[in-house]
Amino acid sequence: MGRPDAFTEEAIYAAETFAGQASKIIRPALRIAEFKDVAENLQAALAHRTVIDTALGVVMAQNHRGHNAASAILRRAASARNVRLRDAAASVVASVSRQSDPWRVEPLTSRQPR
């Protein structure tokens, strides 16, 4: 075991002061990292929701069904293929679009004045 008098009171005070200051710096950095993760997760969820909604529109149009029926069709298709709903939706969107990657958003082209 260590000696009970291994550190002076001044050294202990300095270490405690340093630890207090370090925690004041680290705490906001951790919060920023946490907020960044939340923002990235929200952006991914929004992208998935957009693809799912687009796929629902396709299923509704192709099957002449309402939203609830299209949702059931898409869920059954995902379940039958053992894939996530968002991946089944992405396949539907890719099948009716020229894009091979439904997650990629094409930039709008600016119109040239005549």
C-alpha atoms as a PDB file:
ATOM      1  CA  MET A   1       0.000   0.000   0.000  1.00  0.00           C
ATOM      2  CA  GLY A   2       0.986   3.600  -0.532  1.00  0.00           C
ATOM      3  CA  ARG A   3       2.091   5.861   2.204  1.00  0.00           C
ATOM      4  CA  PRO A   4      -0.618   8.068   3.741  1.00  0.00           C
ATOM      5  CA  ASP A   5       1.660  11.114   3.449  1.00  0.00           C
ATOM      6  CA  ALA A   6       2.716  10.519  -0.185  1.00  0.00           C
ATOM      7  CA  PHE A   7       1.202  13.826  -1.349  1.00  0.00           C
ATOM      8  CA  THR A   8       1.377  17.176   0.327  1.00  0.00           C
ATOM      9  CA  GLU A   9      -1.753  19.172   1.031  1.00  0.00           C
ATOM     10  CA  GLU A  10      -0.639  21.655  -1.636  1.00  0.00           C
ATOM     11  CA  ALA A  11      -0.272  18.866  -4.231  1.00  0.00           C
ATOM     12  CA  ILE A  12      -3.704  17.473  -3.352  1.00  0.00           C
ATOM     13  CA  TYR A  13      -5.245  20.949  -3.612  1.00  0.00           C
ATOM     14  CA  ALA A  14      -3.540  21.523  -6.978  1.00  0.00           C
ATOM     15  CA  ALA A  15      -4.789  18.160  -8.303  1.00  0.00           C
ATOM     16  CA  GLU A  16      -8.351  18.833  -7.128  1.00  0.00           C
ATOM     17  CA  THR A  17      -8.269  22.314  -8.672  1.00  0.00           C
ATOM     18  CA  PHE A  18      -6.967  20.892 -11.948  1.00  0.00           C
ATOM     19  CA  ALA A  19      -9.649  18.173 -11.957  1.00  0.00           C
ATOM     20  CA  GLY A  20     -12.366  20.784 -11.362  1.00  0.00           C
ATOM     21  CA  GLN A  21     -11.119  22.974 -14.211  1.00  0.00           C
ATOM     22  CA  ALA A  22     -10.723  19.989 -16.539  1.00  0.00           C
ATOM     23  CA  SER A  23     -14.301  18.866 -15.869  1.00  0.00           C
ATOM     24  CA  LYS A  24     -15.563  22.358 -16.751  1.00  0.00           C
ATOM     25  CA  ILE A  25     -13.857  22.029 -20.128  1.00  0.00           C
ATOM     26  CA  ILE A  26     -14.742  18.405 -20.830  1.00  0.00           C
ATOM     27  CA  ARG A  27     -18.440  18.630 -19.910  1.00  0.00           C
ATOM     28  CA  PRO A  28     -19.375  21.074 -22.733  1.00  0.00           C
ATOM     29  CA  ALA A  29     -17.262  19.114 -25.227  1.00  0.00           C
ATOM     30  CA  LEU A  30     -19.171  15.961 -24.348  1.00  0.00           C
ATOM     31  CA  ARG A  31     -22.498  17.787 -24.691  1.00  0.00           C
ATOM     32  CA  ILE A  32     -21.491  19.097 -28.121  1.00  0.00           C
ATOM     33  CA  ALA A  33     -20.576  15.563 -29.240  1.00  0.00           C
ATOM     34  CA  GLU A  34     -23.910  14.292 -27.913  1.00  0.00           C
ATOM     35  CA  PHE A  35     -25.842  17.004 -29.795  1.00  0.00           C
ATOM     36  CA  LYS A  36     -23.895  16.214 -32.966  1.00  0.00           C
ATOM     37  CA  ASP A  37     -24.898  12.551 -32.695  1.00  0.00           C
ATOM     38  CA  VAL A  38     -28.541  13.495 -32.144  1.00  0.00           C
ATOM     39  CA  ALA A  39     -28.470  15.817 -35.176  1.00  0.00           C
ATOM     40  CA  GLU A  40     -26.952  13.098 -37.378  1.00  0.00           C
ATOM     41  CA  ASN A  41     -29.561  10.582 -36.194  1.00  0.00           C
ATOM     42  CA  LEU A  42     -32.388  13.039 -36.899  1.00  0.00           C
ATOM     43  CA  GLN A  43     -31.052  13.736 -40.391  1.00  0.00           C
ATOM     44  CA  ALA A  44     -30.849  10.005 -41.127  1.00  0.00           C
ATOM     45  CA  ALA A  45     -34.384   9.479 -39.805  1.00  0.00           C
ATOM     46  CA  LEU A  46     -35.671  12.301 -41.988  1.00  0.00           C
ATOM     47  CA  ALA A  47     -33.973  10.823 -45.061  1.00  0.00           C
ATOM     48  CA  HIS A  48     -35.455   7.398 -44.305  1.00  0.00           C
ATOM     49  CA  ARG A  49     -38.893   8.889 -43.738  1.00  0.00           C
ATOM     50  CA  THR A  50     -38.719  10.700 -47.074  1.00  0.00           C
ATOM     51  CA  VAL A  51     -37.845   7.507 -48.942  1.00  0.00           C
ATOM     52  CA  ILE A  52     -40.578   5.575 -47.128  1.00  0.00           C
ATOM     53  CA  ASP A  53     -43.156   8.270 -47.911  1.00  0.00           C
ATOM     54  CA  THR A  54     -42.104   8.310 -51.560  1.00  0.00           C
ATOM     55  CA  ALA A  55     -42.367   4.521 -51.746  1.00  0.00           C
ATOM     56  CA  LEU A  56     -45.813   4.670 -50.163  1.00  0.00           C
ATOM     57  CA  GLY A  57     -46.875   7.113 -52.859  1.00  0.00           C
ATOM     58  CA  VAL A  58     -45.599   4.737 -55.538  1.00  0.00           C
ATOM     59  CA  VAL A  59     -47.412   1.767 -53.993  1.00  0.00           C
ATOM     60  CA  MET A  60     -50.595   3.828 -53.627  1.00  0.00           C
ATOM     61  CA  ALA A  61     -50.466   4.886 -57.283  1.00  0.00           C
ATOM     62  CA  GLN A  62     -49.591   1.456 -58.663  1.00  0.00           C
ATOM     63  CA  ASN A  63     -52.197  -0.404 -56.613  1.00  0.00           C
ATOM     64  CA  HIS A  64     -54.904   2.264 -56.481  1.00  0.00           C
ATOM     65  CA  ARG A  65     -54.965   1.958 -52.689  1.00  0.00           C
ATOM     66  CA  GLY A  66     -55.030   4.340 -49.769  1.00  0.00           C
ATOM     67  CA  HIS A  67     -52.208   5.158 -47.388  1.00  0.00           C
ATOM     68  CA  ASN A  68     -53.024   2.452 -44.834  1.00  0.00           C
ATOM     69  CA  ALA A  69     -53.267  -0.286 -47.460  1.00  0.00           C
ATOM     70  CA  ALA A  70     -50.032   0.860 -49.099  1.00  0.00           C
ATOM     71  CA  SER A  71     -48.319   0.828 -45.692  1.00  0.00           C
ATOM     72  CA  ALA A  72     -49.478  -2.728 -45.120  1.00  0.00           C
ATOM     73  CA  ILE A  73     -48.262  -3.792 -48.575  1.00  0.00           C
ATOM     74  CA  LEU A  74     -44.841  -2.226 -48.015  1.00  0.00           C
ATOM     75  CA  ARG A  75     -44.535  -3.751 -44.521  1.00  0.00           C
ATOM     76  CA  ARG A  76     -45.469  -7.203 -45.843  1.00  0.00           C
ATOM     77  CA  ALA A  77     -42.950  -6.885 -48.675  1.00  0.00           C
ATOM     78  CA  ALA A  78     -40.200  -5.928 -46.207  1.00  0.00           C
ATOM     79  CA  SER A  79     -41.140  -8.791 -43.913  1.00  0.00           C
ATOM     80  CA  ALA A  80     -41.276 -11.338 -46.751  1.00  0.00           C
ATOM     81  CA  ARG A  81     -37.810 -10.272 -47.903  1.00  0.00           C
ATOM     82  CA  ASN A  82     -36.530 -10.046 -44.323  1.00  0.00           C
ATOM     83  CA  VAL A  83     -35.268  -6.491 -44.839  1.00  0.00           C
ATOM     84  CA  ARG A  84     -35.868  -3.243 -43.029  1.00  0.00           C
ATOM     85  CA  LEU A  85     -38.827  -1.160 -44.116  1.00  0.00           C
ATOM     86  CA  ARG A  86     -36.531   1.658 -45.254  1.00  0.00           C
ATOM     87  CA  ASP A  87     -34.570  -0.762 -47.464  1.00  0.00           C
ATOM     88  CA  ALA A  88     -37.727  -2.159 -49.042  1.00  0.00           C
ATOM     89  CA  ALA A  89     -38.885   1.412 -49.629  1.00  0.00           C
ATOM     90  CA  ALA A  90     -35.541   2.290 -51.192  1.00  0.00           C
ATOM     91  CA  SER A  91     -35.921  -0.650 -53.585  1.00  0.00           C
ATOM     92  CA  VAL A  92     -39.384   0.540 -54.609  1.00  0.00           C
ATOM     93  CA  VAL A  93     -38.137   4.079 -55.221  1.00  0.00           C
ATOM     94  CA  ALA A  94     -35.104   2.835 -57.150  1.00  0.00           C
ATOM     95  CA  SER A  95     -37.305   0.631 -59.325  1.00  0.00           C
ATOM     96  CA  VAL A  96     -39.358   3.577 -60.565  1.00  0.00           C
ATOM     97  CA  SER A  97     -36.634   6.205 -60.763  1.00  0.00           C
ATOM     98  CA  ARG A  98     -33.565   6.666 -62.874  1.00  0.00           C
ATOM     99  CA  GLN A  99     -31.437   6.843 -59.750  1.00  0.00           C
ATOM    100  CA  SER A 100     -29.618   3.710 -58.721  1.00  0.00           C
ATOM    101  CA  ASP A 101     -29.240   5.127 -55.195  1.00  0.00           C
ATOM    102  CA  PRO A 102     -32.524   6.433 -53.734  1.00  0.00           C
ATOM    103  CA  TRP A 103     -30.647   7.941 -50.783  1.00  0.00           C
ATOM    104  CA  ARG A 104     -28.786  10.327 -53.106  1.00  0.00           C
ATOM    105  CA  VAL A 105     -30.516  13.627 -53.710  1.00  0.00           C
ATOM    106  CA  GLU A 106     -29.968  15.068 -57.154  1.00  0.00           C
ATOM    107  CA  PRO A 107     -29.175  18.791 -57.118  1.00  0.00           C
ATOM    108  CA  LEU A 108     -31.628  21.072 -58.838  1.00  0.00           C
ATOM    109  CA  THR A 109     -30.300  22.431 -62.101  1.00  0.00           C
ATOM    110  CA  SER A 110     -30.582  26.130 -62.589  1.00  0.00           C
ATOM    111  CA  ARG A 111     -32.605  27.270 -65.560  1.00  0.00           C
ATOM    112  CA  GLN A 112     -30.787  29.377 -68.083  1.00  0.00           C
ATOM    113  CA  PRO A 113     -32.587  32.588 -69.086  1.00  0.00           C
ATOM    114  CA  ARG A 114     -33.608  32.743 -72.744  1.00  0.00           C
END
